[in-house]
Amino acid sequence: MTLWNRTRQAVYGEIAQKAMELFLTRGFEATTIDDIAQASGISRRSFFRYFGTKEDIVLGDLGSKGELAARALAERPADEDPWTALRNAFHAIKDEAYDAATMLKISRMMYETPSLRARHIEKHLQWQASLVPELRRRLGADPSNPLDVRAEALVACAITCLDVAGEAWTRADGSVPLEDLFDSAAAALRP
């Protein structure tokens, strides 16, 4: 990694940290881009060199989690059925960037803020694009057949199970492990 990349990454991290502090103390909607820029010691214009939106600060790495899930899916045993492989791939990715109490605050903020919720759904659509090719391969689906929707349906269901589990985890104040809630939601689709 070049010095320029390391510097850019450090500035990105510092802006994200300052922004999260503001979001968690003031609220997402009450925090402006100008507030973030001022707290970070940068101009508004510089903010947009690092982030496209405020939502990207909160959900920025969610897209890369989809890539991690796709790699985890590709590494699952070949004899594992597609649904089980997908569930196990989701178990392989965990967000440990924050402690549980902070994750709970971020999760509440995300589920209670319409713009964050919408961006969250957009990021999950990126997950679908990452996961579908491997699942199609596991299913033996013809990639040129647009009418074979099995892989898309399975991935969409698994992502929805994860989202439902995340919402339940938030409502329960994190008292039940997210993994258990995800397994419960996923088991409902395949008794």
N, C-alpha and C. Protein backbone atom coordinates (compact mmCIF):
# COMPACT_ATOMS: atom_id res chain seq x y z
N MET A 1 0.85 -1.18 0.00
CA MET A 1 0.00 0.00 0.00
C MET A 1 0.89 1.24 0.00
N THR A 2 0.57 2.15 -0.86
CA THR A 2 1.39 3.36 -0.98
C THR A 2 1.11 4.31 0.18
N LEU A 3 2.00 5.25 0.36
CA LEU A 3 1.83 6.27 1.40
C LEU A 3 0.54 7.03 1.18
N TRP A 4 0.25 7.37 -0.07
CA TRP A 4 -0.98 8.10 -0.39
C TRP A 4 -2.20 7.28 0.04
N ASN A 5 -2.20 5.97 -0.25
CA ASN A 5 -3.34 5.12 0.13
C ASN A 5 -3.47 5.00 1.64
N ARG A 6 -2.34 4.86 2.33
CA ARG A 6 -2.38 4.77 3.79
C ARG A 6 -2.91 6.08 4.39
N THR A 7 -2.47 7.19 3.85
CA THR A 7 -2.93 8.49 4.34
C THR A 7 -4.43 8.65 4.09
N ARG A 8 -4.85 8.30 2.89
CA ARG A 8 -6.27 8.39 2.55
C ARG A 8 -7.11 7.50 3.48
N GLN A 9 -6.63 6.31 3.71
CA GLN A 9 -7.35 5.38 4.58
C GLN A 9 -7.41 5.91 6.02
N ALA A 10 -6.34 6.51 6.49
CA ALA A 10 -6.32 7.08 7.84
C ALA A 10 -7.30 8.24 7.96
N VAL A 11 -7.33 9.12 6.96
CA VAL A 11 -8.26 10.25 6.97
C VAL A 11 -9.70 9.74 6.91
N TYR A 12 -9.94 8.76 6.05
CA TYR A 12 -11.27 8.14 5.93
C TYR A 12 -11.72 7.62 7.30
N GLY A 13 -10.84 6.90 7.97
CA GLY A 13 -11.16 6.34 9.29
C GLY A 13 -11.43 7.42 10.32
N GLU A 14 -10.66 8.48 10.28
CA GLU A 14 -10.85 9.57 11.23
C GLU A 14 -12.18 10.29 11.01
N ILE A 15 -12.50 10.54 9.75
CA ILE A 15 -13.79 11.18 9.45
C ILE A 15 -14.94 10.28 9.91
N ALA A 16 -14.84 9.00 9.59
CA ALA A 16 -15.90 8.05 9.96
C ALA A 16 -16.06 8.01 11.49
N GLN A 17 -14.96 7.99 12.21
CA GLN A 17 -15.02 7.94 13.67
C GLN A 17 -15.69 9.20 14.23
N LYS A 18 -15.29 10.37 13.74
CA LYS A 18 -15.88 11.63 14.22
C LYS A 18 -17.38 11.66 13.90
N ALA A 19 -17.73 11.21 12.69
CA ALA A 19 -19.13 11.21 12.29
C ALA A 19 -19.96 10.27 13.17
N MET A 20 -19.44 9.07 13.45
CA MET A 20 -20.18 8.13 14.29
C MET A 20 -20.37 8.69 15.69
N GLU A 21 -19.37 9.37 16.21
CA GLU A 21 -19.51 10.00 17.52
C GLU A 21 -20.65 11.01 17.50
N LEU A 22 -20.71 11.82 16.44
CA LEU A 22 -21.78 12.81 16.32
C LEU A 22 -23.14 12.13 16.15
N PHE A 23 -23.21 11.12 15.29
CA PHE A 23 -24.48 10.41 15.07
C PHE A 23 -25.01 9.81 16.36
N LEU A 24 -24.12 9.21 17.14
CA LEU A 24 -24.55 8.52 18.35
C LEU A 24 -24.88 9.47 19.49
N THR A 25 -24.36 10.69 19.45
CA THR A 25 -24.70 11.66 20.51
C THR A 25 -25.84 12.59 20.09
N ARG A 26 -25.84 13.06 18.84
CA ARG A 26 -26.85 14.01 18.38
C ARG A 26 -28.01 13.35 17.65
N GLY A 27 -27.75 12.21 17.05
CA GLY A 27 -28.72 11.56 16.18
C GLY A 27 -28.30 11.72 14.73
N PHE A 28 -28.66 10.76 13.91
CA PHE A 28 -28.24 10.76 12.52
C PHE A 28 -28.80 11.96 11.76
N GLU A 29 -30.10 12.16 11.86
CA GLU A 29 -30.74 13.23 11.08
C GLU A 29 -30.37 14.61 11.58
N ALA A 30 -30.04 14.73 12.87
CA ALA A 30 -29.67 16.04 13.43
C ALA A 30 -28.23 16.43 13.10
N THR A 31 -27.43 15.47 12.63
CA THR A 31 -26.04 15.73 12.30
C THR A 31 -25.93 16.05 10.81
N THR A 32 -25.37 17.19 10.49
CA THR A 32 -25.22 17.58 9.09
C THR A 32 -23.83 17.22 8.58
N ILE A 33 -23.70 17.25 7.28
CA ILE A 33 -22.39 17.04 6.66
C ILE A 33 -21.44 18.15 7.10
N ASP A 34 -21.95 19.36 7.23
CA ASP A 34 -21.11 20.47 7.71
C ASP A 34 -20.62 20.21 9.13
N ASP A 35 -21.46 19.61 9.98
CA ASP A 35 -21.04 19.26 11.34
C ASP A 35 -19.89 18.26 11.30
N ILE A 36 -20.02 17.28 10.44
CA ILE A 36 -18.99 16.24 10.31
C ILE A 36 -17.69 16.85 9.79
N ALA A 37 -17.81 17.67 8.78
CA ALA A 37 -16.62 18.31 8.20
C ALA A 37 -15.91 19.16 9.25
N GLN A 38 -16.67 19.95 9.98
CA GLN A 38 -16.08 20.82 11.00
C GLN A 38 -15.40 19.98 12.09
N ALA A 39 -16.07 18.94 12.57
CA ALA A 39 -15.49 18.09 13.63
C ALA A 39 -14.23 17.37 13.14
N SER A 40 -14.17 17.11 11.85
CA SER A 40 -13.03 16.40 11.27
C SER A 40 -11.92 17.34 10.80
N GLY A 41 -12.19 18.63 10.80
CA GLY A 41 -11.20 19.61 10.36
C GLY A 41 -10.98 19.61 8.86
N ILE A 42 -12.05 19.34 8.11
CA ILE A 42 -11.97 19.34 6.65
C ILE A 42 -13.08 20.22 6.10
N SER A 43 -13.02 20.49 4.80
CA SER A 43 -14.09 21.26 4.17
C SER A 43 -15.22 20.31 3.76
N ARG A 44 -16.37 20.89 3.48
CA ARG A 44 -17.51 20.12 2.99
C ARG A 44 -17.13 19.40 1.69
N ARG A 45 -16.41 20.11 0.85
CA ARG A 45 -15.98 19.52 -0.43
C ARG A 45 -15.07 18.31 -0.20
N SER A 46 -14.17 18.43 0.76
CA SER A 46 -13.28 17.30 1.08
C SER A 46 -14.07 16.10 1.60
N PHE A 47 -15.14 16.37 2.35
CA PHE A 47 -15.99 15.27 2.83
C PHE A 47 -16.42 14.38 1.67
N PHE A 48 -16.83 15.03 0.57
CA PHE A 48 -17.34 14.27 -0.57
C PHE A 48 -16.25 13.56 -1.37
N ARG A 49 -15.01 13.83 -1.07
CA ARG A 49 -13.92 13.04 -1.67
C ARG A 49 -13.83 11.66 -1.02
N TYR A 50 -14.36 11.56 0.20
CA TYR A 50 -14.29 10.31 0.95
C TYR A 50 -15.62 9.56 1.02
N PHE A 51 -16.70 10.30 1.05
CA PHE A 51 -18.02 9.69 1.22
C PHE A 51 -19.01 10.32 0.24
N GLY A 52 -19.87 9.49 -0.32
CA GLY A 52 -20.90 10.01 -1.21
C GLY A 52 -22.08 10.60 -0.44
N THR A 53 -22.37 9.99 0.72
CA THR A 53 -23.50 10.42 1.53
C THR A 53 -23.19 10.19 3.00
N LYS A 54 -24.00 10.75 3.88
CA LYS A 54 -23.88 10.46 5.32
C LYS A 54 -24.14 8.98 5.57
N GLU A 55 -25.10 8.43 4.84
CA GLU A 55 -25.46 7.02 5.02
C GLU A 55 -24.26 6.10 4.79
N ASP A 56 -23.39 6.50 3.86
CA ASP A 56 -22.22 5.67 3.56
C ASP A 56 -21.24 5.59 4.73
N ILE A 57 -21.28 6.56 5.61
CA ILE A 57 -20.42 6.50 6.79
C ILE A 57 -20.87 5.36 7.70
N VAL A 58 -22.16 5.25 7.88
CA VAL A 58 -22.71 4.20 8.76
C VAL A 58 -22.64 2.83 8.09
N LEU A 59 -22.93 2.78 6.80
CA LEU A 59 -23.06 1.50 6.10
C LEU A 59 -21.97 1.24 5.08
N GLY A 60 -20.92 2.04 5.11
CA GLY A 60 -19.89 1.97 4.08
C GLY A 60 -19.29 0.61 3.83
N ASP A 61 -18.99 -0.14 4.90
CA ASP A 61 -18.33 -1.43 4.69
C ASP A 61 -19.31 -2.58 4.54
N LEU A 62 -20.60 -2.30 4.56
CA LEU A 62 -21.59 -3.37 4.41
C LEU A 62 -21.47 -4.05 3.05
N GLY A 63 -21.17 -3.28 2.01
CA GLY A 63 -20.99 -3.88 0.69
C GLY A 63 -19.84 -4.87 0.67
N SER A 64 -18.75 -4.55 1.35
CA SER A 64 -17.61 -5.46 1.38
C SER A 64 -17.93 -6.72 2.18
N LYS A 65 -18.86 -6.62 3.11
CA LYS A 65 -19.29 -7.83 3.85
C LYS A 65 -19.96 -8.81 2.90
N GLY A 66 -20.63 -8.30 1.87
CA GLY A 66 -21.22 -9.17 0.86
C GLY A 66 -20.16 -9.94 0.09
N GLU A 67 -19.04 -9.26 -0.18
CA GLU A 67 -17.91 -9.94 -0.85
C GLU A 67 -17.33 -11.02 0.05
N LEU A 68 -17.23 -10.72 1.35
CA LEU A 68 -16.75 -11.72 2.30
C LEU A 68 -17.69 -12.92 2.34
N ALA A 69 -18.99 -12.65 2.33
CA ALA A 69 -19.97 -13.74 2.33
C ALA A 69 -19.84 -14.58 1.06
N ALA A 70 -19.61 -13.93 -0.08
CA ALA A 70 -19.45 -14.66 -1.34
C ALA A 70 -18.22 -15.56 -1.30
N ARG A 71 -17.13 -15.04 -0.74
CA ARG A 71 -15.92 -15.87 -0.61
C ARG A 71 -16.16 -17.03 0.35
N ALA A 72 -16.84 -16.75 1.46
CA ALA A 72 -17.15 -17.80 2.43
C ALA A 72 -18.05 -18.86 1.80
N LEU A 73 -18.99 -18.45 0.97
CA LEU A 73 -19.86 -19.39 0.27
C LEU A 73 -19.06 -20.27 -0.68
N ALA A 74 -18.14 -19.68 -1.42
CA ALA A 74 -17.32 -20.44 -2.37
C ALA A 74 -16.43 -21.45 -1.64
N GLU A 75 -16.10 -21.18 -0.39
CA GLU A 75 -15.23 -22.07 0.39
C GLU A 75 -15.99 -23.18 1.12
N ARG A 76 -17.31 -23.14 1.08
CA ARG A 76 -18.10 -24.18 1.76
C ARG A 76 -17.90 -25.51 1.03
N PRO A 77 -18.03 -26.62 1.75
CA PRO A 77 -17.86 -27.94 1.12
C PRO A 77 -18.83 -28.13 -0.05
N ALA A 78 -18.34 -28.79 -1.09
CA ALA A 78 -19.14 -28.99 -2.31
C ALA A 78 -20.38 -29.84 -2.05
N ASP A 79 -20.33 -30.73 -1.05
CA ASP A 79 -21.48 -31.60 -0.80
C ASP A 79 -22.53 -30.96 0.10
N GLU A 80 -22.29 -29.75 0.55
CA GLU A 80 -23.26 -29.05 1.38
C GLU A 80 -24.38 -28.52 0.49
N ASP A 81 -25.63 -28.74 0.90
CA ASP A 81 -26.72 -28.25 0.05
C ASP A 81 -26.67 -26.72 0.00
N PRO A 82 -27.19 -26.13 -1.08
CA PRO A 82 -27.07 -24.68 -1.28
C PRO A 82 -27.59 -23.82 -0.12
N TRP A 83 -28.74 -24.18 0.46
CA TRP A 83 -29.30 -23.38 1.55
C TRP A 83 -28.40 -23.43 2.79
N THR A 84 -27.93 -24.61 3.13
CA THR A 84 -27.05 -24.76 4.28
C THR A 84 -25.73 -24.03 4.04
N ALA A 85 -25.19 -24.14 2.84
CA ALA A 85 -23.94 -23.44 2.51
C ALA A 85 -24.12 -21.93 2.64
N LEU A 86 -25.24 -21.43 2.18
CA LEU A 86 -25.51 -19.99 2.27
C LEU A 86 -25.64 -19.56 3.73
N ARG A 87 -26.37 -20.31 4.51
CA ARG A 87 -26.51 -19.99 5.95
C ARG A 87 -25.15 -20.01 6.63
N ASN A 88 -24.35 -21.02 6.35
CA ASN A 88 -23.03 -21.12 6.98
C ASN A 88 -22.10 -20.00 6.52
N ALA A 89 -22.24 -19.57 5.28
CA ALA A 89 -21.44 -18.45 4.79
C ALA A 89 -21.79 -17.17 5.55
N PHE A 90 -23.06 -16.98 5.84
CA PHE A 90 -23.47 -15.81 6.61
C PHE A 90 -22.93 -15.87 8.03
N HIS A 91 -22.85 -17.07 8.59
CA HIS A 91 -22.29 -17.22 9.94
C HIS A 91 -20.80 -16.87 9.96
N ALA A 92 -20.14 -17.03 8.83
CA ALA A 92 -18.69 -16.81 8.76
C ALA A 92 -18.31 -15.34 8.81
N ILE A 93 -19.26 -14.45 8.54
CA ILE A 93 -18.96 -13.02 8.56
C ILE A 93 -19.56 -12.39 9.80
N LYS A 94 -18.75 -11.68 10.52
CA LYS A 94 -19.22 -11.00 11.72
C LYS A 94 -18.68 -9.60 11.72
N ASP A 95 -19.47 -8.69 12.24
CA ASP A 95 -19.03 -7.29 12.33
C ASP A 95 -18.52 -7.06 13.73
N GLU A 96 -17.23 -6.94 13.87
CA GLU A 96 -16.62 -6.74 15.18
C GLU A 96 -15.92 -5.39 15.27
N ALA A 97 -16.36 -4.44 14.45
CA ALA A 97 -15.74 -3.12 14.44
C ALA A 97 -16.06 -2.34 15.72
N TYR A 98 -17.19 -2.66 16.34
CA TYR A 98 -17.62 -1.94 17.54
C TYR A 98 -18.01 -2.94 18.63
N ASP A 99 -18.00 -2.47 19.86
CA ASP A 99 -18.47 -3.32 20.96
C ASP A 99 -19.98 -3.49 20.84
N ALA A 100 -20.54 -4.43 21.59
CA ALA A 100 -21.97 -4.78 21.48
C ALA A 100 -22.88 -3.58 21.76
N ALA A 101 -22.55 -2.77 22.77
CA ALA A 101 -23.39 -1.62 23.11
C ALA A 101 -23.42 -0.60 21.98
N THR A 102 -22.28 -0.36 21.37
CA THR A 102 -22.22 0.58 20.24
C THR A 102 -22.94 0.01 19.04
N MET A 103 -22.77 -1.29 18.79
CA MET A 103 -23.47 -1.93 17.66
C MET A 103 -24.99 -1.81 17.84
N LEU A 104 -25.45 -1.94 19.07
CA LEU A 104 -26.88 -1.81 19.34
C LEU A 104 -27.36 -0.40 19.03
N LYS A 105 -26.59 0.61 19.41
CA LYS A 105 -26.96 2.00 19.11
C LYS A 105 -26.98 2.23 17.60
N ILE A 106 -25.99 1.71 16.91
CA ILE A 106 -25.94 1.86 15.45
C ILE A 106 -27.11 1.14 14.80
N SER A 107 -27.42 -0.04 15.29
CA SER A 107 -28.53 -0.81 14.73
C SER A 107 -29.86 -0.08 14.94
N ARG A 108 -30.06 0.45 16.12
CA ARG A 108 -31.29 1.23 16.37
C ARG A 108 -31.38 2.41 15.42
N MET A 109 -30.26 3.11 15.28
CA MET A 109 -30.21 4.27 14.39
C MET A 109 -30.57 3.84 12.97
N MET A 110 -30.02 2.72 12.53
CA MET A 110 -30.26 2.26 11.17
C MET A 110 -31.72 1.87 10.94
N TYR A 111 -32.29 1.12 11.88
CA TYR A 111 -33.68 0.68 11.70
C TYR A 111 -34.68 1.82 11.90
N GLU A 112 -34.30 2.87 12.60
CA GLU A 112 -35.23 3.98 12.87
C GLU A 112 -35.10 5.13 11.88
N THR A 113 -34.09 5.11 11.02
CA THR A 113 -33.86 6.22 10.09
C THR A 113 -34.16 5.76 8.67
N PRO A 114 -35.22 6.29 8.05
CA PRO A 114 -35.62 5.82 6.72
C PRO A 114 -34.50 5.85 5.67
N SER A 115 -33.69 6.90 5.66
CA SER A 115 -32.64 6.97 4.63
C SER A 115 -31.57 5.90 4.87
N LEU A 116 -31.26 5.61 6.12
CA LEU A 116 -30.30 4.55 6.42
C LEU A 116 -30.88 3.18 6.08
N ARG A 117 -32.14 3.02 6.38
CA ARG A 117 -32.82 1.74 6.08
C ARG A 117 -32.80 1.50 4.57
N ALA A 118 -33.10 2.52 3.80
CA ALA A 118 -33.11 2.39 2.34
C ALA A 118 -31.71 2.06 1.81
N ARG A 119 -30.70 2.73 2.33
CA ARG A 119 -29.32 2.47 1.90
C ARG A 119 -28.88 1.06 2.30
N HIS A 120 -29.35 0.61 3.45
CA HIS A 120 -29.08 -0.75 3.93
C HIS A 120 -29.62 -1.77 2.93
N ILE A 121 -30.82 -1.54 2.46
CA ILE A 121 -31.43 -2.44 1.47
C ILE A 121 -30.63 -2.41 0.17
N GLU A 122 -30.20 -1.23 -0.25
CA GLU A 122 -29.36 -1.14 -1.46
C GLU A 122 -28.08 -1.96 -1.32
N LYS A 123 -27.45 -1.89 -0.15
CA LYS A 123 -26.22 -2.65 0.08
C LYS A 123 -26.51 -4.15 0.04
N HIS A 124 -27.65 -4.55 0.55
CA HIS A 124 -27.99 -5.97 0.51
C HIS A 124 -28.27 -6.43 -0.93
N LEU A 125 -28.73 -5.55 -1.77
CA LEU A 125 -28.87 -5.91 -3.19
C LEU A 125 -27.50 -6.16 -3.82
N GLN A 126 -26.48 -5.43 -3.34
CA GLN A 126 -25.12 -5.71 -3.80
C GLN A 126 -24.68 -7.10 -3.34
N TRP A 127 -25.09 -7.48 -2.13
CA TRP A 127 -24.78 -8.82 -1.64
C TRP A 127 -25.37 -9.85 -2.59
N GLN A 128 -26.60 -9.62 -2.99
CA GLN A 128 -27.26 -10.58 -3.87
C GLN A 128 -26.45 -10.76 -5.15
N ALA A 129 -26.01 -9.67 -5.74
CA ALA A 129 -25.22 -9.75 -6.96
C ALA A 129 -23.93 -10.53 -6.74
N SER A 130 -23.34 -10.43 -5.55
CA SER A 130 -22.10 -11.14 -5.24
C SER A 130 -22.33 -12.63 -4.98
N LEU A 131 -23.44 -12.96 -4.36
CA LEU A 131 -23.69 -14.33 -3.93
C LEU A 131 -24.35 -15.22 -4.98
N VAL A 132 -25.15 -14.63 -5.85
CA VAL A 132 -25.92 -15.43 -6.80
C VAL A 132 -25.05 -16.29 -7.73
N PRO A 133 -23.96 -15.79 -8.30
CA PRO A 133 -23.20 -16.64 -9.22
C PRO A 133 -22.73 -17.96 -8.59
N GLU A 134 -22.22 -17.92 -7.37
CA GLU A 134 -21.76 -19.15 -6.72
C GLU A 134 -22.93 -20.06 -6.39
N LEU A 135 -24.04 -19.49 -5.99
CA LEU A 135 -25.20 -20.33 -5.68
C LEU A 135 -25.77 -20.95 -6.96
N ARG A 136 -25.75 -20.21 -8.05
CA ARG A 136 -26.19 -20.77 -9.34
C ARG A 136 -25.28 -21.95 -9.72
N ARG A 137 -23.99 -21.80 -9.48
CA ARG A 137 -23.06 -22.88 -9.79
C ARG A 137 -23.38 -24.11 -8.94
N ARG A 138 -23.62 -23.90 -7.66
CA ARG A 138 -23.94 -25.01 -6.75
C ARG A 138 -25.25 -25.70 -7.15
N LEU A 139 -26.17 -24.94 -7.66
CA LEU A 139 -27.47 -25.50 -8.08
C LEU A 139 -27.40 -26.16 -9.46
N GLY A 140 -26.30 -25.96 -10.16
CA GLY A 140 -26.18 -26.49 -11.52
C GLY A 140 -27.06 -25.73 -12.50
N ALA A 141 -27.32 -24.48 -12.19
CA ALA A 141 -28.19 -23.66 -13.04
C ALA A 141 -27.43 -23.19 -14.28
N ASP A 142 -28.15 -23.11 -15.36
CA ASP A 142 -27.58 -22.59 -16.61
C ASP A 142 -27.51 -21.06 -16.48
N PRO A 143 -26.29 -20.48 -16.48
CA PRO A 143 -26.17 -19.03 -16.30
C PRO A 143 -26.86 -18.21 -17.40
N SER A 144 -27.12 -18.83 -18.53
CA SER A 144 -27.77 -18.08 -19.62
C SER A 144 -29.30 -18.17 -19.56
N ASN A 145 -29.83 -18.91 -18.58
CA ASN A 145 -31.28 -19.06 -18.45
C ASN A 145 -31.82 -18.03 -17.45
N PRO A 146 -32.42 -16.95 -17.93
CA PRO A 146 -32.93 -15.91 -17.02
C PRO A 146 -34.17 -16.35 -16.24
N LEU A 147 -34.74 -17.48 -16.62
CA LEU A 147 -35.97 -17.93 -15.96
C LEU A 147 -35.68 -18.84 -14.76
N ASP A 148 -34.45 -19.26 -14.57
CA ASP A 148 -34.09 -20.06 -13.41
C ASP A 148 -33.76 -19.09 -12.27
N VAL A 149 -34.72 -18.88 -11.41
CA VAL A 149 -34.60 -17.87 -10.36
C VAL A 149 -34.31 -18.48 -8.99
N ARG A 150 -33.96 -19.75 -8.96
CA ARG A 150 -33.75 -20.42 -7.67
C ARG A 150 -32.65 -19.74 -6.85
N ALA A 151 -31.52 -19.44 -7.46
CA ALA A 151 -30.41 -18.84 -6.71
C ALA A 151 -30.81 -17.46 -6.18
N GLU A 152 -31.43 -16.66 -7.02
CA GLU A 152 -31.86 -15.33 -6.58
C GLU A 152 -32.84 -15.43 -5.42
N ALA A 153 -33.77 -16.39 -5.49
CA ALA A 153 -34.77 -16.56 -4.43
C ALA A 153 -34.11 -17.00 -3.13
N LEU A 154 -33.19 -17.93 -3.19
CA LEU A 154 -32.51 -18.40 -1.98
C LEU A 154 -31.69 -17.28 -1.33
N VAL A 155 -30.96 -16.54 -2.14
CA VAL A 155 -30.14 -15.45 -1.59
C VAL A 155 -31.04 -14.37 -0.99
N ALA A 156 -32.10 -14.00 -1.70
CA ALA A 156 -33.01 -12.98 -1.18
C ALA A 156 -33.63 -13.42 0.14
N CYS A 157 -34.00 -14.68 0.23
CA CYS A 157 -34.58 -15.19 1.48
C CYS A 157 -33.56 -15.17 2.62
N ALA A 158 -32.32 -15.56 2.34
CA ALA A 158 -31.29 -15.56 3.38
C ALA A 158 -31.00 -14.14 3.86
N ILE A 159 -30.93 -13.20 2.93
CA ILE A 159 -30.69 -11.80 3.30
C ILE A 159 -31.85 -11.26 4.13
N THR A 160 -33.07 -11.63 3.75
CA THR A 160 -34.24 -11.20 4.51
C THR A 160 -34.21 -11.80 5.91
N CYS A 161 -33.81 -13.06 6.03
CA CYS A 161 -33.68 -13.69 7.35
C CYS A 161 -32.67 -12.93 8.20
N LEU A 162 -31.58 -12.52 7.61
CA LEU A 162 -30.56 -11.76 8.33
C LEU A 162 -31.12 -10.41 8.78
N ASP A 163 -31.87 -9.77 7.91
CA ASP A 163 -32.45 -8.47 8.24
C ASP A 163 -33.49 -8.61 9.35
N VAL A 164 -34.35 -9.61 9.25
CA VAL A 164 -35.37 -9.86 10.28
C VAL A 164 -34.69 -10.15 11.62
N ALA A 165 -33.62 -10.93 11.58
CA ALA A 165 -32.88 -11.25 12.80
C ALA A 165 -32.25 -9.99 13.39
N GLY A 166 -31.71 -9.13 12.53
CA GLY A 166 -31.10 -7.88 13.01
C GLY A 166 -32.12 -6.98 13.68
N GLU A 167 -33.30 -6.90 13.10
CA GLU A 167 -34.36 -6.09 13.71
C GLU A 167 -34.79 -6.65 15.05
N ALA A 168 -34.94 -7.99 15.11
CA ALA A 168 -35.32 -8.63 16.37
C ALA A 168 -34.23 -8.46 17.43
N TRP A 169 -32.97 -8.59 17.01
CA TRP A 169 -31.85 -8.40 17.93
C TRP A 169 -31.89 -6.99 18.52
N THR A 170 -32.22 -6.02 17.70
CA THR A 170 -32.30 -4.63 18.14
C THR A 170 -33.46 -4.44 19.12
N ARG A 171 -34.62 -5.00 18.77
CA ARG A 171 -35.78 -4.89 19.66
C ARG A 171 -35.50 -5.54 21.02
N ALA A 172 -34.71 -6.62 21.00
CA ALA A 172 -34.40 -7.36 22.23
C ALA A 172 -33.20 -6.77 22.96
N ASP A 173 -32.75 -5.60 22.52
CA ASP A 173 -31.59 -4.93 23.13
C ASP A 173 -30.35 -5.81 23.14
N GLY A 174 -30.21 -6.64 22.12
CA GLY A 174 -29.03 -7.48 22.00
C GLY A 174 -28.96 -8.62 23.00
N SER A 175 -30.08 -8.93 23.65
CA SER A 175 -30.07 -9.96 24.70
C SER A 175 -30.02 -11.39 24.15
N VAL A 176 -30.34 -11.55 22.88
CA VAL A 176 -30.29 -12.87 22.23
C VAL A 176 -29.24 -12.77 21.12
N PRO A 177 -28.35 -13.75 21.02
CA PRO A 177 -27.33 -13.68 19.96
C PRO A 177 -27.95 -13.56 18.56
N LEU A 178 -27.40 -12.67 17.77
CA LEU A 178 -27.87 -12.46 16.41
C LEU A 178 -27.86 -13.77 15.62
N GLU A 179 -26.82 -14.58 15.82
CA GLU A 179 -26.71 -15.85 15.10
C GLU A 179 -27.90 -16.76 15.39
N ASP A 180 -28.36 -16.78 16.65
CA ASP A 180 -29.51 -17.62 17.02
C ASP A 180 -30.78 -17.12 16.34
N LEU A 181 -30.93 -15.81 16.29
CA LEU A 181 -32.11 -15.23 15.64
C LEU A 181 -32.09 -15.50 14.14
N PHE A 182 -30.90 -15.40 13.54
CA PHE A 182 -30.77 -15.71 12.12
C PHE A 182 -31.13 -17.16 11.86
N ASP A 183 -30.61 -18.08 12.69
CA ASP A 183 -30.91 -19.50 12.51
C ASP A 183 -32.41 -19.77 12.66
N SER A 184 -33.03 -19.10 13.61
CA SER A 184 -34.47 -19.27 13.81
C SER A 184 -35.27 -18.80 12.60
N ALA A 185 -34.90 -17.65 12.07
CA ALA A 185 -35.58 -17.12 10.88
C ALA A 185 -35.35 -18.05 9.68
N ALA A 186 -34.11 -18.50 9.50
CA ALA A 186 -33.79 -19.37 8.37
C ALA A 186 -34.48 -20.73 8.50
N ALA A 187 -34.58 -21.25 9.72
CA ALA A 187 -35.24 -22.54 9.93
C ALA A 187 -36.73 -22.47 9.61
N ALA A 188 -37.33 -21.30 9.78
CA ALA A 188 -38.75 -21.14 9.47
C ALA A 188 -39.02 -21.37 7.98
N LEU A 189 -38.02 -21.13 7.15
CA LEU A 189 -38.19 -21.32 5.72
C LEU A 189 -37.93 -22.75 5.27
N ARG A 190 -37.27 -23.50 6.15
CA ARG A 190 -36.92 -24.87 5.78
C ARG A 190 -37.02 -25.76 7.01
N PRO A 191 -38.26 -26.09 7.39
CA PRO A 191 -38.45 -26.90 8.62
C PRO A 191 -37.90 -28.32 8.48
